[in-house]
Amino acid sequence: MRALTSSLVPVDIRRARNLALLDAVDICPRSSYRGTVWRVVREGRSPLDGIRADSGGFSFLHTALEADGAIAEVAYHLSQQPVFPSRYRVVLHEIRINATAVLFDIEKKLHSYSVDPQEIGEAAAFLGFDALVTPNARYPCANLMLFLNETPPKQLDVVAEEPVDLVRWFDGTLAGEK
C-alpha cells in the first residue's frame, strides 16, 4: 500500500523500519533553526528543487551552513570526473529558513547506531522533523538537510545569488587560501 505525502512523493507506509533507531531519533530534542543556509546548483536550476532520497520515500534540500561548505560539496563531486568540467556554470544561493523541528548533533546522539546516515534521515523525516544537521565531509562546517515534505515553502526565502568560478575556488582551496 502506498500513501501520498503533502508534496505528492510516494511513501510506502508498510515498509519495515528500524524500531530501535526510530525510538532513538524520537527522543532527540526538536530544536529550531532560523538563519541562513547556502546551496550551489547548476545555472538555470531552482535552488529550492529538492533531491529525492534513494529509497524514494522523501525529498530533501541539501544545504550547508557556510557558503564554502556548499561550494566544496559541488567542487568535490565534479573533481571526481575524469576531466574537471571547467565550463560547468553554478550559482551559490543564500537561503533564509525557519525550521521548528531540527535534529542537531546526530553524530553524538546516535553514535551507537551503525546505520547509513540516510536511514537516520529517513527516520527523522518519518517522525516529522523539518531538518537534520550533519557534518560536512568536504569542508569544516555543518550541512542542513531540509525535508521538503515537512517544510512549507513559505519558510524558505532565497535572498541572494552569486555565480561561482569553481576552477578558481578549487585552485584557491588547494593553495590554502580558504
N, C-alpha and C. Protein backbone atom coordinates (compact mmCIF):
# COMPACT_ATOMS: atom_id res chain seq x y z
N MET A 1 0.85 -1.19 0.00
CA MET A 1 0.00 0.00 0.00
C MET A 1 0.88 1.24 0.00
N ARG A 2 0.55 2.19 -0.82
CA ARG A 2 1.32 3.43 -0.90
C ARG A 2 0.41 4.60 -0.55
N ALA A 3 0.99 5.55 0.15
CA ALA A 3 0.26 6.76 0.51
C ALA A 3 0.98 7.95 -0.10
N LEU A 4 0.29 9.05 -0.22
CA LEU A 4 0.91 10.25 -0.76
C LEU A 4 1.15 11.24 0.36
N THR A 5 2.33 11.82 0.38
CA THR A 5 2.64 12.85 1.36
C THR A 5 2.13 14.18 0.83
N SER A 6 2.32 15.22 1.62
CA SER A 6 1.82 16.53 1.23
C SER A 6 2.43 17.03 -0.07
N SER A 7 3.66 16.61 -0.39
CA SER A 7 4.26 17.08 -1.63
C SER A 7 4.15 16.03 -2.74
N LEU A 8 3.25 15.08 -2.56
CA LEU A 8 2.95 14.06 -3.55
C LEU A 8 4.12 13.14 -3.87
N VAL A 9 5.01 12.92 -2.89
CA VAL A 9 6.08 11.95 -3.04
C VAL A 9 5.57 10.65 -2.45
N PRO A 10 5.56 9.56 -3.23
CA PRO A 10 5.01 8.32 -2.69
C PRO A 10 5.86 7.80 -1.53
N VAL A 11 5.18 7.36 -0.49
CA VAL A 11 5.85 6.79 0.67
C VAL A 11 5.21 5.44 0.95
N ASP A 12 6.01 4.42 1.08
CA ASP A 12 5.50 3.10 1.40
C ASP A 12 5.27 3.04 2.91
N ILE A 13 4.01 3.12 3.34
CA ILE A 13 3.73 3.18 4.77
C ILE A 13 3.88 1.82 5.45
N ARG A 14 4.01 0.75 4.69
CA ARG A 14 4.18 -0.57 5.29
C ARG A 14 5.64 -1.00 5.34
N ARG A 15 6.54 -0.18 4.86
CA ARG A 15 7.96 -0.53 4.83
C ARG A 15 8.47 -0.76 6.25
N ALA A 16 9.19 -1.83 6.47
CA ALA A 16 9.76 -2.13 7.79
C ALA A 16 10.80 -1.08 8.13
N ARG A 17 10.75 -0.59 9.34
CA ARG A 17 11.70 0.41 9.81
C ARG A 17 12.43 -0.15 11.02
N ASN A 18 13.61 0.37 11.24
CA ASN A 18 14.43 0.00 12.40
C ASN A 18 13.79 0.66 13.63
N LEU A 19 13.07 -0.13 14.43
CA LEU A 19 12.32 0.42 15.56
C LEU A 19 13.23 1.03 16.62
N ALA A 20 14.38 0.41 16.86
CA ALA A 20 15.31 0.97 17.85
C ALA A 20 15.82 2.33 17.39
N LEU A 21 16.11 2.47 16.09
CA LEU A 21 16.55 3.75 15.57
C LEU A 21 15.42 4.79 15.65
N LEU A 22 14.20 4.38 15.31
CA LEU A 22 13.07 5.30 15.42
C LEU A 22 12.91 5.80 16.86
N ASP A 23 13.02 4.89 17.82
CA ASP A 23 12.92 5.29 19.23
C ASP A 23 14.02 6.27 19.60
N ALA A 24 15.25 5.98 19.15
CA ALA A 24 16.39 6.85 19.48
C ALA A 24 16.23 8.24 18.86
N VAL A 25 15.77 8.30 17.63
CA VAL A 25 15.58 9.59 16.97
C VAL A 25 14.41 10.33 17.61
N ASP A 26 13.36 9.60 17.95
CA ASP A 26 12.17 10.23 18.50
C ASP A 26 12.41 10.92 19.85
N ILE A 27 13.35 10.42 20.64
CA ILE A 27 13.60 11.06 21.94
C ILE A 27 14.57 12.24 21.83
N CYS A 28 15.14 12.45 20.66
CA CYS A 28 16.03 13.59 20.46
C CYS A 28 15.20 14.88 20.48
N PRO A 29 15.76 15.93 21.07
CA PRO A 29 15.01 17.19 21.11
C PRO A 29 14.81 17.77 19.71
N ARG A 30 13.68 18.40 19.53
CA ARG A 30 13.38 19.12 18.29
C ARG A 30 13.72 20.58 18.53
N SER A 31 14.82 21.02 17.93
CA SER A 31 15.28 22.39 18.10
C SER A 31 14.86 23.22 16.90
N SER A 32 14.87 24.53 17.07
CA SER A 32 14.52 25.39 15.94
C SER A 32 15.81 25.96 15.34
N TYR A 33 15.72 26.29 14.09
CA TYR A 33 16.83 26.96 13.40
C TYR A 33 16.22 28.04 12.51
N ARG A 34 16.59 29.25 12.78
CA ARG A 34 16.18 30.37 11.94
C ARG A 34 17.47 31.05 11.52
N GLY A 35 17.76 31.00 10.23
CA GLY A 35 19.00 31.60 9.78
C GLY A 35 19.26 31.35 8.32
N THR A 36 20.52 31.43 7.98
CA THR A 36 20.94 31.33 6.59
C THR A 36 21.58 29.99 6.31
N VAL A 37 21.25 29.43 5.17
CA VAL A 37 21.94 28.26 4.64
C VAL A 37 22.36 28.59 3.22
N TRP A 38 23.24 27.77 2.68
CA TRP A 38 23.79 28.01 1.35
C TRP A 38 23.61 26.78 0.49
N ARG A 39 23.36 27.02 -0.79
CA ARG A 39 23.17 25.91 -1.73
C ARG A 39 23.74 26.31 -3.08
N VAL A 40 24.45 25.39 -3.69
CA VAL A 40 25.01 25.61 -5.03
C VAL A 40 24.28 24.68 -5.99
N VAL A 41 23.77 25.25 -7.08
CA VAL A 41 23.11 24.46 -8.11
C VAL A 41 23.59 24.92 -9.48
N ARG A 42 23.37 24.07 -10.45
CA ARG A 42 23.73 24.41 -11.83
C ARG A 42 22.94 25.63 -12.27
N GLU A 43 23.59 26.49 -13.03
CA GLU A 43 22.96 27.70 -13.54
C GLU A 43 21.64 27.34 -14.24
N GLY A 44 20.58 28.08 -13.91
CA GLY A 44 19.28 27.84 -14.51
C GLY A 44 18.37 26.92 -13.70
N ARG A 45 18.91 26.24 -12.70
CA ARG A 45 18.10 25.34 -11.87
C ARG A 45 17.65 26.08 -10.62
N SER A 46 16.46 25.80 -10.16
CA SER A 46 15.94 26.44 -8.95
C SER A 46 16.69 25.91 -7.72
N PRO A 47 17.12 26.80 -6.84
CA PRO A 47 17.81 26.34 -5.63
C PRO A 47 16.88 25.65 -4.65
N LEU A 48 15.58 25.72 -4.90
CA LEU A 48 14.62 25.09 -4.00
C LEU A 48 14.12 23.75 -4.51
N ASP A 49 14.67 23.29 -5.65
CA ASP A 49 14.34 21.94 -6.14
C ASP A 49 15.07 20.94 -5.27
N GLY A 50 14.33 20.02 -4.72
CA GLY A 50 14.93 19.03 -3.82
C GLY A 50 15.52 17.85 -4.55
N ILE A 51 16.12 16.99 -3.77
CA ILE A 51 16.71 15.75 -4.23
C ILE A 51 15.87 14.63 -3.64
N ARG A 52 15.53 13.64 -4.42
CA ARG A 52 14.78 12.50 -3.91
C ARG A 52 15.76 11.52 -3.30
N ALA A 53 15.47 11.05 -2.10
CA ALA A 53 16.32 10.06 -1.45
C ALA A 53 16.30 8.78 -2.26
N ASP A 54 17.38 8.00 -2.17
CA ASP A 54 17.48 6.76 -2.93
C ASP A 54 16.28 5.84 -2.73
N SER A 55 15.75 5.84 -1.52
CA SER A 55 14.61 4.98 -1.23
C SER A 55 13.33 5.51 -1.87
N GLY A 56 13.35 6.77 -2.31
CA GLY A 56 12.17 7.37 -2.90
C GLY A 56 11.14 7.80 -1.88
N GLY A 57 11.44 7.68 -0.60
CA GLY A 57 10.47 7.96 0.43
C GLY A 57 10.30 9.41 0.80
N PHE A 58 11.28 10.25 0.49
CA PHE A 58 11.16 11.66 0.84
C PHE A 58 12.11 12.46 -0.02
N SER A 59 11.85 13.76 -0.13
CA SER A 59 12.79 14.62 -0.83
C SER A 59 13.35 15.62 0.16
N PHE A 60 14.56 16.06 -0.12
CA PHE A 60 15.22 16.97 0.79
C PHE A 60 16.05 17.98 0.01
N LEU A 61 16.36 19.05 0.69
CA LEU A 61 17.20 20.11 0.14
C LEU A 61 18.54 20.03 0.87
N HIS A 62 19.59 19.75 0.13
CA HIS A 62 20.92 19.62 0.70
C HIS A 62 21.55 21.01 0.74
N THR A 63 21.81 21.54 1.94
CA THR A 63 22.39 22.87 2.09
C THR A 63 23.57 22.79 3.06
N ALA A 64 24.34 23.86 3.13
CA ALA A 64 25.44 23.96 4.09
C ALA A 64 25.25 25.22 4.92
N LEU A 65 25.81 25.21 6.12
CA LEU A 65 25.69 26.37 7.00
C LEU A 65 26.72 27.44 6.68
N GLU A 66 27.66 27.13 5.78
CA GLU A 66 28.64 28.11 5.30
C GLU A 66 28.69 28.04 3.78
N ALA A 67 28.91 29.17 3.14
CA ALA A 67 28.96 29.23 1.67
C ALA A 67 30.03 28.30 1.11
N ASP A 68 31.23 28.33 1.71
CA ASP A 68 32.30 27.47 1.19
C ASP A 68 32.00 25.99 1.36
N GLY A 69 31.19 25.65 2.34
CA GLY A 69 30.78 24.26 2.51
C GLY A 69 29.92 23.79 1.36
N ALA A 70 29.01 24.64 0.91
CA ALA A 70 28.16 24.30 -0.24
C ALA A 70 28.99 24.19 -1.52
N ILE A 71 29.92 25.11 -1.69
CA ILE A 71 30.77 25.08 -2.88
C ILE A 71 31.66 23.84 -2.86
N ALA A 72 32.21 23.51 -1.69
CA ALA A 72 33.10 22.35 -1.57
C ALA A 72 32.40 21.05 -1.96
N GLU A 73 31.13 20.92 -1.60
CA GLU A 73 30.39 19.70 -1.96
C GLU A 73 30.32 19.53 -3.48
N VAL A 74 29.96 20.60 -4.18
CA VAL A 74 29.84 20.52 -5.64
C VAL A 74 31.22 20.35 -6.28
N ALA A 75 32.20 21.11 -5.80
CA ALA A 75 33.56 21.02 -6.36
C ALA A 75 34.11 19.61 -6.21
N TYR A 76 33.86 18.99 -5.08
CA TYR A 76 34.35 17.62 -4.86
C TYR A 76 33.75 16.67 -5.89
N HIS A 77 32.43 16.70 -6.03
CA HIS A 77 31.79 15.76 -6.95
C HIS A 77 32.22 15.99 -8.39
N LEU A 78 32.39 17.23 -8.78
CA LEU A 78 32.86 17.49 -10.14
C LEU A 78 34.32 17.08 -10.31
N SER A 79 35.11 17.18 -9.25
CA SER A 79 36.53 16.80 -9.33
C SER A 79 36.71 15.29 -9.51
N GLN A 80 35.67 14.52 -9.26
CA GLN A 80 35.74 13.07 -9.44
C GLN A 80 35.55 12.66 -10.90
N GLN A 81 35.24 13.61 -11.76
CA GLN A 81 35.10 13.33 -13.19
C GLN A 81 36.48 13.12 -13.80
N PRO A 82 36.59 12.34 -14.86
CA PRO A 82 37.90 12.13 -15.49
C PRO A 82 38.57 13.44 -15.93
N VAL A 83 37.76 14.40 -16.39
CA VAL A 83 38.25 15.73 -16.73
C VAL A 83 37.35 16.72 -16.01
N PHE A 84 37.97 17.63 -15.24
CA PHE A 84 37.18 18.60 -14.48
C PHE A 84 36.39 19.46 -15.47
N PRO A 85 35.05 19.52 -15.33
CA PRO A 85 34.22 20.28 -16.28
C PRO A 85 34.32 21.79 -16.02
N SER A 86 35.35 22.39 -16.57
CA SER A 86 35.64 23.80 -16.27
C SER A 86 34.58 24.77 -16.78
N ARG A 87 33.75 24.35 -17.72
CA ARG A 87 32.71 25.24 -18.23
C ARG A 87 31.35 25.02 -17.56
N TYR A 88 31.31 24.18 -16.58
CA TYR A 88 30.09 23.90 -15.83
C TYR A 88 29.78 25.12 -14.98
N ARG A 89 28.67 25.76 -15.21
CA ARG A 89 28.33 27.00 -14.52
C ARG A 89 27.40 26.72 -13.34
N VAL A 90 27.81 27.22 -12.18
CA VAL A 90 27.00 27.03 -10.98
C VAL A 90 26.78 28.38 -10.30
N VAL A 91 25.73 28.40 -9.47
CA VAL A 91 25.36 29.62 -8.76
C VAL A 91 25.22 29.28 -7.27
N LEU A 92 25.79 30.12 -6.44
CA LEU A 92 25.67 29.99 -4.99
C LEU A 92 24.45 30.80 -4.55
N HIS A 93 23.55 30.16 -3.81
CA HIS A 93 22.33 30.80 -3.34
C HIS A 93 22.34 30.91 -1.82
N GLU A 94 21.99 32.07 -1.32
CA GLU A 94 21.79 32.29 0.10
C GLU A 94 20.30 32.15 0.38
N ILE A 95 19.96 31.25 1.28
CA ILE A 95 18.55 30.95 1.55
C ILE A 95 18.30 31.15 3.05
N ARG A 96 17.30 31.92 3.37
CA ARG A 96 16.90 32.06 4.77
C ARG A 96 15.82 31.03 5.05
N ILE A 97 15.97 30.36 6.17
CA ILE A 97 14.99 29.34 6.53
C ILE A 97 14.49 29.55 7.95
N ASN A 98 13.34 28.99 8.20
CA ASN A 98 12.75 28.99 9.53
C ASN A 98 12.21 27.58 9.76
N ALA A 99 12.98 26.76 10.46
CA ALA A 99 12.57 25.39 10.74
C ALA A 99 12.37 25.23 12.24
N THR A 100 11.33 24.52 12.62
CA THR A 100 11.00 24.42 14.05
C THR A 100 11.31 23.07 14.68
N ALA A 101 11.60 22.07 13.87
CA ALA A 101 11.88 20.73 14.41
C ALA A 101 13.13 20.18 13.74
N VAL A 102 14.29 20.64 14.21
CA VAL A 102 15.57 20.26 13.61
C VAL A 102 16.31 19.30 14.54
N LEU A 103 16.89 18.27 13.96
CA LEU A 103 17.69 17.31 14.71
C LEU A 103 19.16 17.69 14.56
N PHE A 104 19.78 18.14 15.67
CA PHE A 104 21.19 18.53 15.69
C PHE A 104 22.05 17.42 16.29
N ASP A 105 23.35 17.48 16.04
CA ASP A 105 24.35 16.62 16.69
C ASP A 105 24.08 15.13 16.58
N ILE A 106 23.69 14.67 15.39
CA ILE A 106 23.38 13.25 15.26
C ILE A 106 24.60 12.37 15.51
N GLU A 107 25.79 12.88 15.18
CA GLU A 107 26.99 12.06 15.39
C GLU A 107 27.24 11.81 16.88
N LYS A 108 26.78 12.68 17.74
CA LYS A 108 26.91 12.49 19.19
C LYS A 108 25.74 11.70 19.75
N LYS A 109 24.53 12.05 19.34
CA LYS A 109 23.34 11.44 19.91
C LYS A 109 23.09 10.02 19.42
N LEU A 110 23.51 9.72 18.20
CA LEU A 110 23.20 8.41 17.61
C LEU A 110 24.46 7.63 17.25
N HIS A 111 25.57 7.90 17.94
CA HIS A 111 26.84 7.27 17.60
C HIS A 111 26.84 5.75 17.79
N SER A 112 25.99 5.23 18.65
CA SER A 112 25.99 3.78 18.90
C SER A 112 25.22 3.00 17.84
N TYR A 113 24.56 3.69 16.93
CA TYR A 113 23.81 3.02 15.86
C TYR A 113 24.66 3.01 14.61
N SER A 114 25.05 1.82 14.19
CA SER A 114 25.86 1.73 12.98
C SER A 114 24.93 1.54 11.79
N VAL A 115 24.35 2.66 11.37
CA VAL A 115 23.43 2.65 10.24
C VAL A 115 23.88 3.71 9.24
N ASP A 116 23.41 3.56 8.05
CA ASP A 116 23.66 4.53 6.99
C ASP A 116 23.02 5.85 7.40
N PRO A 117 23.73 6.98 7.24
CA PRO A 117 23.14 8.28 7.59
C PRO A 117 21.79 8.53 6.90
N GLN A 118 21.61 7.96 5.72
CA GLN A 118 20.33 8.13 5.03
C GLN A 118 19.20 7.49 5.84
N GLU A 119 19.49 6.39 6.53
CA GLU A 119 18.48 5.76 7.38
C GLU A 119 18.06 6.69 8.52
N ILE A 120 19.04 7.42 9.06
CA ILE A 120 18.73 8.38 10.12
C ILE A 120 17.85 9.49 9.55
N GLY A 121 18.20 9.95 8.35
CA GLY A 121 17.38 10.97 7.69
C GLY A 121 15.97 10.48 7.43
N GLU A 122 15.83 9.25 6.96
CA GLU A 122 14.50 8.70 6.72
C GLU A 122 13.70 8.61 8.01
N ALA A 123 14.37 8.19 9.09
CA ALA A 123 13.68 8.09 10.39
C ALA A 123 13.24 9.48 10.85
N ALA A 124 14.12 10.47 10.72
CA ALA A 124 13.79 11.83 11.15
C ALA A 124 12.64 12.39 10.32
N ALA A 125 12.66 12.17 9.01
CA ALA A 125 11.57 12.65 8.15
C ALA A 125 10.27 11.94 8.51
N PHE A 126 10.34 10.63 8.74
CA PHE A 126 9.15 9.85 9.09
C PHE A 126 8.53 10.36 10.40
N LEU A 127 9.39 10.79 11.34
CA LEU A 127 8.91 11.25 12.64
C LEU A 127 8.52 12.73 12.65
N GLY A 128 8.59 13.40 11.49
CA GLY A 128 8.10 14.77 11.39
C GLY A 128 9.13 15.85 11.65
N PHE A 129 10.41 15.52 11.68
CA PHE A 129 11.43 16.57 11.80
C PHE A 129 11.43 17.39 10.52
N ASP A 130 11.76 18.68 10.62
CA ASP A 130 11.89 19.56 9.46
C ASP A 130 13.23 19.38 8.77
N ALA A 131 14.26 19.11 9.58
CA ALA A 131 15.62 19.10 9.04
C ALA A 131 16.54 18.29 9.94
N LEU A 132 17.71 18.01 9.39
CA LEU A 132 18.74 17.24 10.07
C LEU A 132 20.06 17.95 9.82
N VAL A 133 20.85 18.19 10.87
CA VAL A 133 22.16 18.82 10.72
C VAL A 133 23.22 17.74 10.85
N THR A 134 24.10 17.68 9.85
CA THR A 134 25.14 16.66 9.80
C THR A 134 26.49 17.32 9.52
N PRO A 135 27.57 16.62 9.84
CA PRO A 135 28.89 17.17 9.49
C PRO A 135 29.07 17.20 7.96
N ASN A 136 29.79 18.18 7.48
CA ASN A 136 30.12 18.27 6.06
C ASN A 136 31.42 17.50 5.86
N ALA A 137 31.42 16.54 4.96
CA ALA A 137 32.60 15.71 4.73
C ALA A 137 33.67 16.42 3.89
N ARG A 138 33.33 17.54 3.27
CA ARG A 138 34.25 18.20 2.35
C ARG A 138 34.83 19.49 2.88
N TYR A 139 34.25 20.03 3.97
CA TYR A 139 34.67 21.33 4.47
C TYR A 139 34.33 21.38 5.97
N PRO A 140 35.11 22.11 6.76
CA PRO A 140 34.85 22.14 8.20
C PRO A 140 33.65 23.01 8.59
N CYS A 141 32.48 22.52 8.27
CA CYS A 141 31.23 23.17 8.67
C CYS A 141 30.16 22.10 8.72
N ALA A 142 28.94 22.48 8.97
CA ALA A 142 27.84 21.52 9.02
C ALA A 142 26.94 21.70 7.80
N ASN A 143 26.25 20.62 7.45
CA ASN A 143 25.22 20.64 6.42
C ASN A 143 23.86 20.58 7.09
N LEU A 144 22.87 21.16 6.45
CA LEU A 144 21.50 21.07 6.92
C LEU A 144 20.67 20.46 5.80
N MET A 145 20.11 19.29 6.07
CA MET A 145 19.23 18.61 5.12
C MET A 145 17.81 18.97 5.50
N LEU A 146 17.15 19.72 4.65
CA LEU A 146 15.80 20.19 4.92
C LEU A 146 14.81 19.26 4.24
N PHE A 147 13.94 18.64 5.01
CA PHE A 147 12.95 17.70 4.46
C PHE A 147 11.80 18.49 3.85
N LEU A 148 11.67 18.41 2.55
CA LEU A 148 10.68 19.24 1.85
C LEU A 148 9.25 18.80 2.13
N ASN A 149 9.04 17.55 2.49
CA ASN A 149 7.69 17.08 2.81
C ASN A 149 7.18 17.74 4.08
N GLU A 150 8.10 18.18 4.95
CA GLU A 150 7.72 18.73 6.25
C GLU A 150 7.83 20.26 6.32
N THR A 151 8.45 20.88 5.33
CA THR A 151 8.72 22.31 5.39
C THR A 151 7.89 23.06 4.36
N PRO A 152 6.97 23.87 4.81
CA PRO A 152 6.20 24.67 3.85
C PRO A 152 7.11 25.63 3.09
N PRO A 153 6.87 25.84 1.80
CA PRO A 153 7.72 26.74 1.00
C PRO A 153 7.83 28.14 1.58
N LYS A 154 6.81 28.59 2.32
CA LYS A 154 6.87 29.94 2.87
C LYS A 154 7.97 30.08 3.92
N GLN A 155 8.52 28.98 4.40
CA GLN A 155 9.61 29.03 5.38
C GLN A 155 10.98 29.11 4.70
N LEU A 156 11.01 29.20 3.38
CA LEU A 156 12.24 29.29 2.61
C LEU A 156 12.23 30.56 1.78
N ASP A 157 13.31 31.32 1.83
CA ASP A 157 13.37 32.56 1.08
C ASP A 157 14.77 32.72 0.49
N VAL A 158 14.87 32.68 -0.83
CA VAL A 158 16.15 32.89 -1.50
C VAL A 158 16.41 34.40 -1.48
N VAL A 159 17.48 34.81 -0.78
CA VAL A 159 17.72 36.24 -0.60
C VAL A 159 18.89 36.76 -1.44
N ALA A 160 19.75 35.89 -1.94
CA ALA A 160 20.87 36.35 -2.77
C ALA A 160 21.39 35.19 -3.60
N GLU A 161 22.02 35.54 -4.69
CA GLU A 161 22.69 34.53 -5.53
C GLU A 161 23.91 35.15 -6.16
N GLU A 162 24.89 34.29 -6.43
CA GLU A 162 26.16 34.77 -6.98
C GLU A 162 26.81 33.64 -7.78
N PRO A 163 27.24 33.93 -9.01
CA PRO A 163 27.93 32.90 -9.79
C PRO A 163 29.23 32.49 -9.09
N VAL A 164 29.61 31.23 -9.26
CA VAL A 164 30.83 30.71 -8.66
C VAL A 164 31.76 30.22 -9.77
N ASP A 165 33.00 30.66 -9.72
CA ASP A 165 34.03 30.14 -10.62
C ASP A 165 34.67 28.96 -9.89
N LEU A 166 34.22 27.75 -10.21
CA LEU A 166 34.69 26.56 -9.50
C LEU A 166 36.18 26.31 -9.67
N VAL A 167 36.70 26.55 -10.85
CA VAL A 167 38.13 26.33 -11.07
C VAL A 167 38.94 27.25 -10.17
N ARG A 168 38.56 28.50 -10.14
CA ARG A 168 39.27 29.47 -9.28
C ARG A 168 39.12 29.11 -7.80
N TRP A 169 37.90 28.75 -7.39
CA TRP A 169 37.66 28.38 -5.99
C TRP A 169 38.49 27.15 -5.63
N PHE A 170 38.44 26.14 -6.51
CA PHE A 170 39.17 24.90 -6.27
C PHE A 170 40.67 25.16 -6.18
N ASP A 171 41.20 25.96 -7.10
CA ASP A 171 42.63 26.28 -7.09
C ASP A 171 43.00 27.06 -5.82
N GLY A 172 42.15 27.98 -5.41
CA GLY A 172 42.40 28.75 -4.19
C GLY A 172 42.39 27.88 -2.94
N THR A 173 41.50 26.89 -2.91
CA THR A 173 41.42 25.98 -1.77
C THR A 173 42.66 25.12 -1.69
N LEU A 174 43.11 24.61 -2.83
CA LEU A 174 44.32 23.79 -2.84
C LEU A 174 45.55 24.59 -2.46
N ALA A 175 45.54 25.88 -2.78
CA ALA A 175 46.68 26.76 -2.45
C ALA A 175 46.63 27.25 -1.00
N GLY A 176 45.57 26.87 -0.27
CA GLY A 176 45.47 27.25 1.13
C GLY A 176 44.84 28.59 1.38
N GLU A 177 44.16 29.16 0.38
CA GLU A 177 43.52 30.45 0.54
C GLU A 177 42.23 30.36 1.35
N LYS A 178 41.63 29.19 1.41
CA LYS A 178 40.36 29.02 2.14
C LYS A 178 40.62 28.42 3.49
